[in-house]
Amino acid sequence: AVSEEEKIYHVTSAPMTGHQPRDFVILVSQRQPCRPQEPYTVA
């Protein structure tokens, strides 16, 4: 948990036919809107 808005996850995904199972190390960043018309963001 890098901060309240950033976390690093390790994800594994199911194997597809003929493929090895995959894994990912990802940074998930979240932001609340600064102004009413802006979206919430999860990158």
PDB file of all heavy atoms in Angstrom:
ATOM      1  N   ALA A   1       0.892  -1.168   0.000  1.00  0.00           N
ATOM      2  CA  ALA A   1       0.000   0.000   0.000  1.00  0.00           C
ATOM      3  C   ALA A   1       0.926   1.211   0.000  1.00  0.00           C
ATOM      4  O   ALA A   1       1.506   1.567   1.021  1.00  0.00           O
ATOM      5  CB  ALA A   1      -0.890  -0.013   1.223  1.00  0.00           C
ATOM      6  N   VAL A   2       1.114   1.794  -1.183  1.00  0.00           N
ATOM      7  CA  VAL A   2       2.072   2.886  -1.337  1.00  0.00           C
ATOM      8  C   VAL A   2       1.547   4.131  -0.621  1.00  0.00           C
ATOM      9  O   VAL A   2       2.280   4.860   0.032  1.00  0.00           O
ATOM     10  CB  VAL A   2       2.308   3.169  -2.843  1.00  0.00           C
ATOM     11  CG1 VAL A   2       3.346   4.258  -3.027  1.00  0.00           C
ATOM     12  CG2 VAL A   2       2.733   1.889  -3.559  1.00  0.00           C
ATOM     13  N   SER A   3       0.242   4.384  -0.772  1.00  0.00           N
ATOM     14  CA  SER A   3      -0.413   5.509  -0.098  1.00  0.00           C
ATOM     15  C   SER A   3      -1.901   5.179  -0.059  1.00  0.00           C
ATOM     16  O   SER A   3      -2.301   4.103  -0.498  1.00  0.00           O
ATOM     17  CB  SER A   3      -0.188   6.807  -0.892  1.00  0.00           C
ATOM     18  OG  SER A   3      -0.920   6.750  -2.110  1.00  0.00           O
ATOM     19  N   GLU A   4      -2.699   6.112   0.419  1.00  0.00           N
ATOM     20  CA  GLU A   4      -4.147   5.845   0.424  1.00  0.00           C
ATOM     21  C   GLU A   4      -4.685   5.696  -0.993  1.00  0.00           C
ATOM     22  O   GLU A   4      -5.686   5.035  -1.221  1.00  0.00           O
ATOM     23  CB  GLU A   4      -4.881   6.996   1.129  1.00  0.00           C
ATOM     24  CG  GLU A   4      -4.885   6.843   2.631  1.00  0.00           C
ATOM     25  CD  GLU A   4      -5.765   7.889   3.304  1.00  0.00           C
ATOM     26  OE1 GLU A   4      -6.711   8.367   2.661  1.00  0.00           O
ATOM     27  OE2 GLU A   4      -5.479   8.217   4.465  1.00  0.00           O
ATOM     28  N   GLU A   5      -4.024   6.352  -1.942  1.00  0.00           N
ATOM     29  CA  GLU A   5      -4.531   6.353  -3.327  1.00  0.00           C
ATOM     30  C   GLU A   5      -3.803   5.391  -4.251  1.00  0.00           C
ATOM     31  O   GLU A   5      -4.192   5.226  -5.398  1.00  0.00           O
ATOM     32  CB  GLU A   5      -4.420   7.770  -3.902  1.00  0.00           C
ATOM     33  CG  GLU A   5      -5.307   8.782  -3.186  1.00  0.00           C
ATOM     34  CD  GLU A   5      -5.347  10.112  -3.919  1.00  0.00           C
ATOM     35  OE1 GLU A   5      -4.275  10.589  -4.333  1.00  0.00           O
ATOM     36  OE2 GLU A   5      -6.446  10.651  -4.103  1.00  0.00           O
ATOM     37  N   GLU A   6      -2.726   4.785  -3.778  1.00  0.00           N
ATOM     38  CA  GLU A   6      -1.951   3.885  -4.661  1.00  0.00           C
ATOM     39  C   GLU A   6      -1.700   2.558  -3.961  1.00  0.00           C
ATOM     40  O   GLU A   6      -1.237   2.538  -2.829  1.00  0.00           O
ATOM     41  CB  GLU A   6      -0.550   4.446  -4.989  1.00  0.00           C
ATOM     42  CG  GLU A   6      -0.443   5.941  -5.084  1.00  0.00           C
ATOM     43  CD  GLU A   6      -1.025   6.494  -6.359  1.00  0.00           C
ATOM     44  OE1 GLU A   6      -1.070   5.761  -7.357  1.00  0.00           O
ATOM     45  OE2 GLU A   6      -1.435   7.657  -6.339  1.00  0.00           O
ATOM     46  N   LYS A   7      -1.967   1.478  -4.687  1.00  0.00           N
ATOM     47  CA  LYS A   7      -1.600   0.157  -4.170  1.00  0.00           C
ATOM     48  C   LYS A   7      -0.953  -0.648  -5.289  1.00  0.00           C
ATOM     49  O   LYS A   7      -1.303  -0.490  -6.460  1.00  0.00           O
ATOM     50  CB  LYS A   7      -2.846  -0.596  -3.680  1.00  0.00           C
ATOM     51  CG  LYS A   7      -3.378  -0.109  -2.336  1.00  0.00           C
ATOM     52  CD  LYS A   7      -4.399  -1.095  -1.784  1.00  0.00           C
ATOM     53  CE  LYS A   7      -4.909  -0.660  -0.413  1.00  0.00           C
ATOM     54  NZ  LYS A   7      -5.855   0.443  -0.510  1.00  0.00           N
ATOM     55  N   ILE A   8      -0.024  -1.523  -4.906  1.00  0.00           N
ATOM     56  CA  ILE A   8       0.577  -2.441  -5.875  1.00  0.00           C
ATOM     57  C   ILE A   8       0.026  -3.836  -5.586  1.00  0.00           C
ATOM     58  O   ILE A   8       0.043  -4.291  -4.435  1.00  0.00           O
ATOM     59  CB  ILE A   8       2.119  -2.414  -5.793  1.00  0.00           C
ATOM     60  CG1 ILE A   8       2.633  -1.024  -6.188  1.00  0.00           C
ATOM     61  CG2 ILE A   8       2.724  -3.486  -6.705  1.00  0.00           C
ATOM     62  CD1 ILE A   8       4.126  -0.832  -6.027  1.00  0.00           C
ATOM     63  N   TYR A   9      -0.498  -4.486  -6.635  1.00  0.00           N
ATOM     64  CA  TYR A   9      -1.096  -5.812  -6.498  1.00  0.00           C
ATOM     65  C   TYR A   9      -0.337  -6.828  -7.341  1.00  0.00           C
ATOM     66  O   TYR A   9       0.248  -6.486  -8.371  1.00  0.00           O
ATOM     67  CB  TYR A   9      -2.539  -5.813  -7.024  1.00  0.00           C
ATOM     68  CG  TYR A   9      -3.553  -5.011  -6.247  1.00  0.00           C
ATOM     69  CD1 TYR A   9      -3.763  -3.671  -6.532  1.00  0.00           C
ATOM     70  CD2 TYR A   9      -4.356  -5.603  -5.265  1.00  0.00           C
ATOM     71  CE1 TYR A   9      -4.732  -2.930  -5.853  1.00  0.00           C
ATOM     72  CE2 TYR A   9      -5.328  -4.871  -4.585  1.00  0.00           C
ATOM     73  CZ  TYR A   9      -5.512  -3.540  -4.882  1.00  0.00           C
ATOM     74  OH  TYR A   9      -6.471  -2.810  -4.220  1.00  0.00           O
ATOM     75  N   HIS A  10      -0.421  -8.088  -6.906  1.00  0.00           N
ATOM     76  CA  HIS A  10       0.030  -9.197  -7.748  1.00  0.00           C
ATOM     77  C   HIS A  10      -1.220  -9.972  -8.146  1.00  0.00           C
ATOM     78  O   HIS A  10      -1.991 -10.419  -7.296  1.00  0.00           O
ATOM     79  CB  HIS A  10       0.994 -10.116  -6.974  1.00  0.00           C
ATOM     80  CG  HIS A  10       1.494 -11.251  -7.800  1.00  0.00           C
ATOM     81  ND1 HIS A  10       1.405 -12.563  -7.407  1.00  0.00           N
ATOM     82  CD2 HIS A  10       2.082 -11.263  -9.030  1.00  0.00           C
ATOM     83  CE1 HIS A  10       1.922 -13.343  -8.351  1.00  0.00           C
ATOM     84  NE2 HIS A  10       2.331 -12.581  -9.340  1.00  0.00           N
ATOM     85  N   VAL A  11      -1.429 -10.085  -9.458  1.00  0.00           N
ATOM     86  CA  VAL A  11      -2.632 -10.729  -9.990  1.00  0.00           C
ATOM     87  C   VAL A  11      -2.223 -11.968 -10.774  1.00  0.00           C
ATOM     88  O   VAL A  11      -1.257 -11.927 -11.545  1.00  0.00           O
ATOM     89  CB  VAL A  11      -3.382  -9.763 -10.949  1.00  0.00           C
ATOM     90  CG1 VAL A  11      -4.567 -10.459 -11.616  1.00  0.00           C
ATOM     91  CG2 VAL A  11      -3.850  -8.529 -10.199  1.00  0.00           C
ATOM     92  N   THR A  12      -2.938 -13.071 -10.578  1.00  0.00           N
ATOM     93  CA  THR A  12      -2.734 -14.224 -11.462  1.00  0.00           C
ATOM     94  C   THR A  12      -4.030 -14.455 -12.216  1.00  0.00           C
ATOM     95  O   THR A  12      -5.120 -14.194 -11.705  1.00  0.00           O
ATOM     96  CB  THR A  12      -2.374 -15.507 -10.679  1.00  0.00           C
ATOM     97  OG1 THR A  12      -3.466 -15.863  -9.821  1.00  0.00           O
ATOM     98  CG2 THR A  12      -1.112 -15.310  -9.846  1.00  0.00           C
ATOM     99  N   SER A  13      -3.895 -14.918 -13.460  1.00  0.00           N
ATOM    100  CA  SER A  13      -5.101 -15.164 -14.257  1.00  0.00           C
ATOM    101  C   SER A  13      -5.108 -16.608 -14.744  1.00  0.00           C
ATOM    102  O   SER A  13      -4.065 -17.236 -14.899  1.00  0.00           O
ATOM    103  CB  SER A  13      -5.184 -14.195 -15.436  1.00  0.00           C
ATOM    104  OG  SER A  13      -4.073 -14.365 -16.266  1.00  0.00           O
ATOM    105  N   ALA A  14      -6.314 -17.092 -14.954  1.00  0.00           N
ATOM    106  CA  ALA A  14      -6.503 -18.490 -15.344  1.00  0.00           C
ATOM    107  C   ALA A  14      -5.864 -18.742 -16.708  1.00  0.00           C
ATOM    108  O   ALA A  14      -5.871 -17.867 -17.571  1.00  0.00           O
ATOM    109  CB  ALA A  14      -7.994 -18.790 -15.395  1.00  0.00           C
ATOM    110  N   PRO A  15      -5.324 -19.941 -16.913  1.00  0.00           N
ATOM    111  CA  PRO A  15      -4.728 -20.224 -18.226  1.00  0.00           C
ATOM    112  C   PRO A  15      -5.789 -20.327 -19.306  1.00  0.00           C
ATOM    113  O   PRO A  15      -6.880 -20.844 -19.057  1.00  0.00           O
ATOM    114  CB  PRO A  15      -4.038 -21.576 -18.009  1.00  0.00           C
ATOM    115  CG  PRO A  15      -4.735 -22.200 -16.847  1.00  0.00           C
ATOM    116  CD  PRO A  15      -5.240 -21.083 -15.993  1.00  0.00           C
ATOM    117  N   MET A  16      -5.473 -19.794 -20.474  1.00  0.00           N
ATOM    118  CA  MET A  16      -6.331 -19.994 -21.644  1.00  0.00           C
ATOM    119  C   MET A  16      -5.834 -21.268 -22.316  1.00  0.00           C
ATOM    120  O   MET A  16      -4.686 -21.666 -22.132  1.00  0.00           O
ATOM    121  CB  MET A  16      -6.178 -18.836 -22.630  1.00  0.00           C
ATOM    122  CG  MET A  16      -6.555 -17.493 -22.075  1.00  0.00           C
ATOM    123  SD  MET A  16      -8.326 -17.271 -22.017  1.00  0.00           S
ATOM    124  CE  MET A  16      -8.735 -17.077 -23.745  1.00  0.00           C
ATOM    125  N   THR A  17      -6.670 -21.879 -23.146  1.00  0.00           N
ATOM    126  CA  THR A  17      -6.269 -23.099 -23.831  1.00  0.00           C
ATOM    127  C   THR A  17      -4.963 -22.866 -24.589  1.00  0.00           C
ATOM    128  O   THR A  17      -4.845 -21.914 -25.356  1.00  0.00           O
ATOM    129  CB  THR A  17      -7.378 -23.494 -24.839  1.00  0.00           C
ATOM    130  OG1 THR A  17      -8.632 -23.298 -24.196  1.00  0.00           O
ATOM    131  CG2 THR A  17      -7.254 -24.937 -25.249  1.00  0.00           C
ATOM    132  N   GLY A  18      -4.009 -23.723 -24.327  1.00  0.00           N
ATOM    133  CA  GLY A  18      -2.746 -23.618 -25.061  1.00  0.00           C
ATOM    134  C   GLY A  18      -1.806 -22.545 -24.558  1.00  0.00           C
ATOM    135  O   GLY A  18      -0.760 -22.302 -25.144  1.00  0.00           O
ATOM    136  N   HIS A  19      -2.176 -21.858 -23.470  1.00  0.00           N
ATOM    137  CA  HIS A  19      -1.311 -20.803 -22.919  1.00  0.00           C
ATOM    138  C   HIS A  19      -1.018 -21.095 -21.455  1.00  0.00           C
ATOM    139  O   HIS A  19      -1.864 -21.620 -20.746  1.00  0.00           O
ATOM    140  CB  HIS A  19      -1.980 -19.428 -23.015  1.00  0.00           C
ATOM    141  CG  HIS A  19      -2.131 -18.929 -24.412  1.00  0.00           C
ATOM    142  ND1 HIS A  19      -1.155 -18.234 -25.073  1.00  0.00           N
ATOM    143  CD2 HIS A  19      -3.164 -19.043 -25.290  1.00  0.00           C
ATOM    144  CE1 HIS A  19      -1.576 -17.937 -26.299  1.00  0.00           C
ATOM    145  NE2 HIS A  19      -2.795 -18.416 -26.450  1.00  0.00           N
ATOM    146  N   GLN A  20       0.173 -20.700 -21.034  1.00  0.00           N
ATOM    147  CA  GLN A  20       0.541 -20.811 -19.622  1.00  0.00           C
ATOM    148  C   GLN A  20      -0.287 -19.792 -18.822  1.00  0.00           C
ATOM    149  O   GLN A  20      -0.641 -18.751 -19.353  1.00  0.00           O
ATOM    150  CB  GLN A  20       2.023 -20.435 -19.535  1.00  0.00           C
ATOM    151  CG  GLN A  20       2.741 -20.970 -18.333  1.00  0.00           C
ATOM    152  CD  GLN A  20       4.204 -20.535 -18.339  1.00  0.00           C
ATOM    153  OE1 GLN A  20       4.658 -19.850 -19.240  1.00  0.00           O
ATOM    154  NE2 GLN A  20       4.923 -20.927 -17.310  1.00  0.00           N
ATOM    155  N   PRO A  21      -0.590 -20.083 -17.537  1.00  0.00           N
ATOM    156  CA  PRO A  21      -1.274 -19.038 -16.756  1.00  0.00           C
ATOM    157  C   PRO A  21      -0.401 -17.785 -16.675  1.00  0.00           C
ATOM    158  O   PRO A  21       0.828 -17.874 -16.657  1.00  0.00           O
ATOM    159  CB  PRO A  21      -1.474 -19.675 -15.382  1.00  0.00           C
ATOM    160  CG  PRO A  21      -0.670 -20.916 -15.359  1.00  0.00           C
ATOM    161  CD  PRO A  21      -0.365 -21.307 -16.757  1.00  0.00           C
ATOM    162  N   ARG A  22      -1.045 -16.619 -16.627  1.00  0.00           N
ATOM    163  CA  ARG A  22      -0.300 -15.355 -16.646  1.00  0.00           C
ATOM    164  C   ARG A  22      -0.328 -14.707 -15.272  1.00  0.00           C
ATOM    165  O   ARG A  22      -1.252 -14.935 -14.503  1.00  0.00           O
ATOM    166  CB  ARG A  22      -0.926 -14.405 -17.667  1.00  0.00           C
ATOM    167  CG  ARG A  22      -0.811 -14.946 -19.063  1.00  0.00           C
ATOM    168  CD  ARG A  22      -1.554 -14.139 -20.098  1.00  0.00           C
ATOM    169  NE  ARG A  22      -1.374 -14.808 -21.381  1.00  0.00           N
ATOM    170  CZ  ARG A  22      -0.321 -14.623 -22.167  1.00  0.00           C
ATOM    171  NH1 ARG A  22       0.602 -13.765 -21.831  1.00  0.00           N
ATOM    172  NH2 ARG A  22      -0.200 -15.277 -23.308  1.00  0.00           N
ATOM    173  N   ASP A  23       0.681 -13.876 -15.028  1.00  0.00           N
ATOM    174  CA  ASP A  23       0.607 -13.050 -13.831  1.00  0.00           C
ATOM    175  C   ASP A  23       1.044 -11.627 -14.140  1.00  0.00           C
ATOM    176  O   ASP A  23       1.716 -11.369 -15.148  1.00  0.00           O
ATOM    177  CB  ASP A  23       1.372 -13.667 -12.650  1.00  0.00           C
ATOM    178  CG  ASP A  23       2.884 -13.522 -12.759  1.00  0.00           C
ATOM    179  OD1 ASP A  23       3.408 -13.359 -13.882  1.00  0.00           O
ATOM    180  OD2 ASP A  23       3.554 -13.573 -11.711  1.00  0.00           O
ATOM    181  N   PHE A  24       0.597 -10.714 -13.308  1.00  0.00           N
ATOM    182  CA  PHE A  24       0.830  -9.282 -13.507  1.00  0.00           C
ATOM    183  C   PHE A  24       1.196  -8.654 -12.165  1.00  0.00           C
ATOM    184  O   PHE A  24       0.622  -9.024 -11.141  1.00  0.00           O
ATOM    185  CB  PHE A  24      -0.457  -8.583 -13.992  1.00  0.00           C
ATOM    186  CG  PHE A  24      -1.043  -9.126 -15.267  1.00  0.00           C
ATOM    187  CD1 PHE A  24      -1.865 -10.249 -15.251  1.00  0.00           C
ATOM    188  CD2 PHE A  24      -0.801  -8.503 -16.483  1.00  0.00           C
ATOM    189  CE1 PHE A  24      -2.428 -10.752 -16.422  1.00  0.00           C
ATOM    190  CE2 PHE A  24      -1.364  -8.998 -17.661  1.00  0.00           C
ATOM    191  CZ  PHE A  24      -2.165 -10.118 -17.634  1.00  0.00           C
ATOM    192  N   VAL A  25       2.126  -7.706 -12.182  1.00  0.00           N
ATOM    193  CA  VAL A  25       2.362  -6.865 -11.011  1.00  0.00           C
ATOM    194  C   VAL A  25       1.898  -5.471 -11.431  1.00  0.00           C
ATOM    195  O   VAL A  25       2.442  -4.890 -12.382  1.00  0.00           O
ATOM    196  CB  VAL A  25       3.846  -6.856 -10.590  1.00  0.00           C
ATOM    197  CG1 VAL A  25       4.068  -5.886  -9.433  1.00  0.00           C
ATOM    198  CG2 VAL A  25       4.284  -8.263 -10.175  1.00  0.00           C
ATOM    199  N   ILE A  26       0.862  -4.965 -10.773  1.00  0.00           N
ATOM    200  CA  ILE A  26       0.236  -3.726 -11.253  1.00  0.00           C
ATOM    201  C   ILE A  26       0.159  -2.656 -10.168  1.00  0.00           C
ATOM    202  O   ILE A  26      -0.022  -2.962  -8.992  1.00  0.00           O
ATOM    203  CB  ILE A  26      -1.190  -3.986 -11.809  1.00  0.00           C
ATOM    204  CG1 ILE A  26      -2.064  -4.722 -10.772  1.00  0.00           C
ATOM    205  CG2 ILE A  26      -1.133  -4.759 -13.117  1.00  0.00           C
ATOM    206  CD1 ILE A  26      -3.533  -4.829 -11.152  1.00  0.00           C
ATOM    207  N   LEU A  27       0.288  -1.431 -10.622  1.00  0.00           N
ATOM    208  CA  LEU A  27       0.046  -0.274  -9.765  1.00  0.00           C
ATOM    209  C   LEU A  27      -1.373   0.211 -10.054  1.00  0.00           C
ATOM    210  O   LEU A  27      -1.722   0.452 -11.214  1.00  0.00           O
ATOM    211  CB  LEU A  27       1.049   0.842 -10.092  1.00  0.00           C
ATOM    212  CG  LEU A  27       0.780   2.205  -9.436  1.00  0.00           C
ATOM    213  CD1 LEU A  27       0.989   2.159  -7.931  1.00  0.00           C
ATOM    214  CD2 LEU A  27       1.682   3.287 -10.056  1.00  0.00           C
ATOM    215  N   VAL A  28      -2.192   0.318  -9.019  1.00  0.00           N
ATOM    216  CA  VAL A  28      -3.554   0.839  -9.168  1.00  0.00           C
ATOM    217  C   VAL A  28      -3.606   2.200  -8.478  1.00  0.00           C
ATOM    218  O   VAL A  28      -3.354   2.302  -7.281  1.00  0.00           O
ATOM    219  CB  VAL A  28      -4.596  -0.125  -8.559  1.00  0.00           C
ATOM    220  CG1 VAL A  28      -5.995   0.465  -8.655  1.00  0.00           C
ATOM    221  CG2 VAL A  28      -4.540  -1.483  -9.268  1.00  0.00           C
ATOM    222  N   SER A  29      -3.879   3.246  -9.268  1.00  0.00           N
ATOM    223  CA  SER A  29      -3.950   4.616  -8.724  1.00  0.00           C
ATOM    224  C   SER A  29      -5.404   5.079  -8.790  1.00  0.00           C
ATOM    225  O   SER A  29      -6.041   4.949  -9.829  1.00  0.00           O
ATOM    226  CB  SER A  29      -3.102   5.569  -9.575  1.00  0.00           C
ATOM    227  OG  SER A  29      -1.792   5.071  -9.733  1.00  0.00           O
ATOM    228  N   GLN A  30      -5.903   5.626  -7.705  1.00  0.00           N
ATOM    229  CA  GLN A  30      -7.291   6.102  -7.713  1.00  0.00           C
ATOM    230  C   GLN A  30      -7.340   7.598  -7.398  1.00  0.00           C
ATOM    231  O   GLN A  30      -6.547   8.098  -6.617  1.00  0.00           O
ATOM    232  CB  GLN A  30      -8.123   5.312  -6.709  1.00  0.00           C
ATOM    233  CG  GLN A  30      -7.594   5.389  -5.284  1.00  0.00           C
ATOM    234  CD  GLN A  30      -8.348   4.450  -4.365  1.00  0.00           C
ATOM    235  OE1 GLN A  30      -8.141   3.251  -4.402  1.00  0.00           O
ATOM    236  NE2 GLN A  30      -9.223   5.001  -3.528  1.00  0.00           N
ATOM    237  N   ARG A  31      -8.258   8.294  -8.059  1.00  0.00           N
ATOM    238  CA  ARG A  31      -8.406   9.735  -7.835  1.00  0.00           C
ATOM    239  C   ARG A  31      -9.879  10.101  -7.784  1.00  0.00           C
ATOM    240  O   ARG A  31     -10.655   9.685  -8.630  1.00  0.00           O
ATOM    241  CB  ARG A  31      -7.768  10.539  -8.976  1.00  0.00           C
ATOM    242  CG  ARG A  31      -6.262  10.460  -9.060  1.00  0.00           C
ATOM    243  CD  ARG A  31      -5.560  11.213  -7.939  1.00  0.00           C
ATOM    244  NE  ARG A  31      -4.119  11.141  -8.113  1.00  0.00           N
ATOM    245  CZ  ARG A  31      -3.362  10.115  -7.751  1.00  0.00           C
ATOM    246  NH1 ARG A  31      -3.914   9.048  -7.220  1.00  0.00           N
ATOM    247  NH2 ARG A  31      -2.051  10.131  -7.927  1.00  0.00           N
ATOM    248  N   GLN A  32     -10.231  10.917  -6.806  1.00  0.00           N
ATOM    249  CA  GLN A  32     -11.584  11.473  -6.756  1.00  0.00           C
ATOM    250  C   GLN A  32     -11.590  12.719  -7.635  1.00  0.00           C
ATOM    251  O   GLN A  32     -10.547  13.341  -7.837  1.00  0.00           O
ATOM    252  CB  GLN A  32     -11.924  11.839  -5.320  1.00  0.00           C
ATOM    253  CG  GLN A  32     -11.752  10.652  -4.394  1.00  0.00           C
ATOM    254  CD  GLN A  32     -12.866  10.537  -3.374  1.00  0.00           C
ATOM    255  OE1 GLN A  32     -13.907  11.165  -3.493  1.00  0.00           O
ATOM    256  NE2 GLN A  32     -12.646   9.703  -2.378  1.00  0.00           N
ATOM    257  N   PRO A  33     -12.752  13.114  -8.156  1.00  0.00           N
ATOM    258  CA  PRO A  33     -12.796  14.299  -9.023  1.00  0.00           C
ATOM    259  C   PRO A  33     -12.469  15.578  -8.244  1.00  0.00           C
ATOM    260  O   PRO A  33     -12.833  15.698  -7.078  1.00  0.00           O
ATOM    261  CB  PRO A  33     -14.234  14.338  -9.535  1.00  0.00           C
ATOM    262  CG  PRO A  33     -14.994  13.297  -8.795  1.00  0.00           C
ATOM    263  CD  PRO A  33     -14.054  12.456  -8.015  1.00  0.00           C
ATOM    264  N   CYS A  34     -11.757  16.491  -8.912  1.00  0.00           N
ATOM    265  CA  CYS A  34     -11.471  17.797  -8.288  1.00  0.00           C
ATOM    266  C   CYS A  34     -12.642  18.746  -8.509  1.00  0.00           C
ATOM    267  O   CYS A  34     -12.898  19.635  -7.710  1.00  0.00           O
ATOM    268  CB  CYS A  34     -10.218  18.417  -8.899  1.00  0.00           C
ATOM    269  SG  CYS A  34      -8.781  17.379  -8.705  1.00  0.00           S
ATOM    270  N   ARG A  35     -13.320  18.550  -9.650  1.00  0.00           N
ATOM    271  CA  ARG A  35     -14.463  19.419  -9.971  1.00  0.00           C
ATOM    272  C   ARG A  35     -15.678  18.546 -10.267  1.00  0.00           C
ATOM    273  O   ARG A  35     -15.529  17.407 -10.691  1.00  0.00           O
ATOM    274  CB  ARG A  35     -14.121  20.285 -11.199  1.00  0.00           C
ATOM    275  CG  ARG A  35     -13.037  21.325 -10.894  1.00  0.00           C
ATOM    276  CD  ARG A  35     -12.919  22.329 -12.032  1.00  0.00           C
ATOM    277  NE  ARG A  35     -12.310  21.747 -13.218  1.00  0.00           N
ATOM    278  CZ  ARG A  35     -10.984  21.630 -13.395  1.00  0.00           C
ATOM    279  NH1 ARG A  35     -10.145  22.014 -12.463  1.00  0.00           N
ATOM    280  NH2 ARG A  35     -10.504  21.107 -14.513  1.00  0.00           N
ATOM    281  N   PRO A  36     -16.894  19.080 -10.084  1.00  0.00           N
ATOM    282  CA  PRO A  36     -18.106  18.253 -10.205  1.00  0.00           C
ATOM    283  C   PRO A  36     -18.234  17.494 -11.526  1.00  0.00           C
ATOM    284  O   PRO A  36     -18.705  16.366 -11.540  1.00  0.00           O
ATOM    285  CB  PRO A  36     -19.251  19.268 -10.059  1.00  0.00           C
ATOM    286  CG  PRO A  36     -18.645  20.433  -9.338  1.00  0.00           C
ATOM    287  CD  PRO A  36     -17.195  20.464  -9.695  1.00  0.00           C
ATOM    288  N   GLN A  37     -17.801  18.102 -12.651  1.00  0.00           N
ATOM    289  CA  GLN A  37     -18.031  17.429 -13.937  1.00  0.00           C
ATOM    290  C   GLN A  37     -16.947  16.400 -14.266  1.00  0.00           C
ATOM    291  O   GLN A  37     -17.040  15.683 -15.262  1.00  0.00           O
ATOM    292  CB  GLN A  37     -18.168  18.452 -15.083  1.00  0.00           C
ATOM    293  CG  GLN A  37     -16.900  19.235 -15.431  1.00  0.00           C
ATOM    294  CD  GLN A  37     -16.670  20.445 -14.508  1.00  0.00           C
ATOM    295  OE1 GLN A  37     -17.185  20.482 -13.389  1.00  0.00           O
ATOM    296  NE2 GLN A  37     -15.908  21.416 -14.964  1.00  0.00           N
ATOM    297  N   GLU A  38     -15.912  16.310 -13.426  1.00  0.00           N
ATOM    298  CA  GLU A  38     -14.829  15.362 -13.705  1.00  0.00           C
ATOM    299  C   GLU A  38     -15.196  13.955 -13.223  1.00  0.00           C
ATOM    300  O   GLU A  38     -15.945  13.799 -12.264  1.00  0.00           O
ATOM    301  CB  GLU A  38     -13.534  15.817 -12.999  1.00  0.00           C
ATOM    302  CG  GLU A  38     -12.920  17.039 -13.636  1.00  0.00           C
ATOM    303  CD  GLU A  38     -11.630  17.463 -12.945  1.00  0.00           C
ATOM    304  OE1 GLU A  38     -11.256  16.849 -11.921  1.00  0.00           O
ATOM    305  OE2 GLU A  38     -11.003  18.413 -13.440  1.00  0.00           O
ATOM    306  N   PRO A  39     -14.627  12.925 -13.867  1.00  0.00           N
ATOM    307  CA  PRO A  39     -14.938  11.558 -13.436  1.00  0.00           C
ATOM    308  C   PRO A  39     -14.060  11.109 -12.261  1.00  0.00           C
ATOM    309  O   PRO A  39     -12.989  11.662 -12.027  1.00  0.00           O
ATOM    310  CB  PRO A  39     -14.600  10.723 -14.676  1.00  0.00           C
ATOM    311  CG  PRO A  39     -13.497  11.485 -15.357  1.00  0.00           C
ATOM    312  CD  PRO A  39     -13.783  12.944 -15.087  1.00  0.00           C
ATOM    313  N   TYR A  40     -14.535  10.091 -11.557  1.00  0.00           N
ATOM    314  CA  TYR A  40     -13.666   9.337 -10.657  1.00  0.00           C
ATOM    315  C   TYR A  40     -12.749   8.502 -11.560  1.00  0.00           C
ATOM    316  O   TYR A  40     -13.193   8.013 -12.604  1.00  0.00           O
ATOM    317  CB  TYR A  40     -14.483   8.377  -9.792  1.00  0.00           C
ATOM    318  CG  TYR A  40     -15.304   9.031  -8.707  1.00  0.00           C
ATOM    319  CD1 TYR A  40     -16.588   9.508  -8.970  1.00  0.00           C
ATOM    320  CD2 TYR A  40     -14.808   9.138  -7.413  1.00  0.00           C
ATOM    321  CE1 TYR A  40     -17.348  10.096  -7.959  1.00  0.00           C
ATOM    322  CE2 TYR A  40     -15.570   9.715  -6.394  1.00  0.00           C
ATOM    323  CZ  TYR A  40     -16.835  10.193  -6.679  1.00  0.00           C
ATOM    324  OH  TYR A  40     -17.589  10.763  -5.682  1.00  0.00           O
ATOM    325  N   THR A  41     -11.501   8.312 -11.147  1.00  0.00           N
ATOM    326  CA  THR A  41     -10.546   7.597 -11.992  1.00  0.00           C
ATOM    327  C   THR A  41      -9.851   6.489 -11.208  1.00  0.00           C
ATOM    328  O   THR A  41      -9.450   6.697 -10.064  1.00  0.00           O
ATOM    329  CB  THR A  41      -9.475   8.578 -12.532  1.00  0.00           C
ATOM    330  OG1 THR A  41     -10.134   9.619 -13.255  1.00  0.00           O
ATOM    331  CG2 THR A  41      -8.488   7.889 -13.458  1.00  0.00           C
ATOM    332  N   VAL A  42      -9.746   5.321 -11.843  1.00  0.00           N
ATOM    333  CA  VAL A  42      -8.957   4.210 -11.294  1.00  0.00           C
ATOM    334  C   VAL A  42      -8.050   3.754 -12.429  1.00  0.00           C
ATOM    335  O   VAL A  42      -8.526   3.171 -13.408  1.00  0.00           O
ATOM    336  CB  VAL A  42      -9.855   3.025 -10.842  1.00  0.00           C
ATOM    337  CG1 VAL A  42      -9.002   1.908 -10.246  1.00  0.00           C
ATOM    338  CG2 VAL A  42     -10.913   3.480  -9.840  1.00  0.00           C
ATOM    339  N   ALA A  43      -6.748   4.056 -12.332  1.00  0.00           N
ATOM    340  CA  ALA A  43      -5.824   3.752 -13.430  1.00  0.00           C
ATOM    341  C   ALA A  43      -4.919   2.580 -13.061  1.00  0.00           C
ATOM    342  O   ALA A  43      -4.543   2.412 -11.902  1.00  0.00           O
ATOM    343  CB  ALA A  43      -4.981   4.990 -13.758  1.00  0.00           C
TER     344      ALA A  43
END
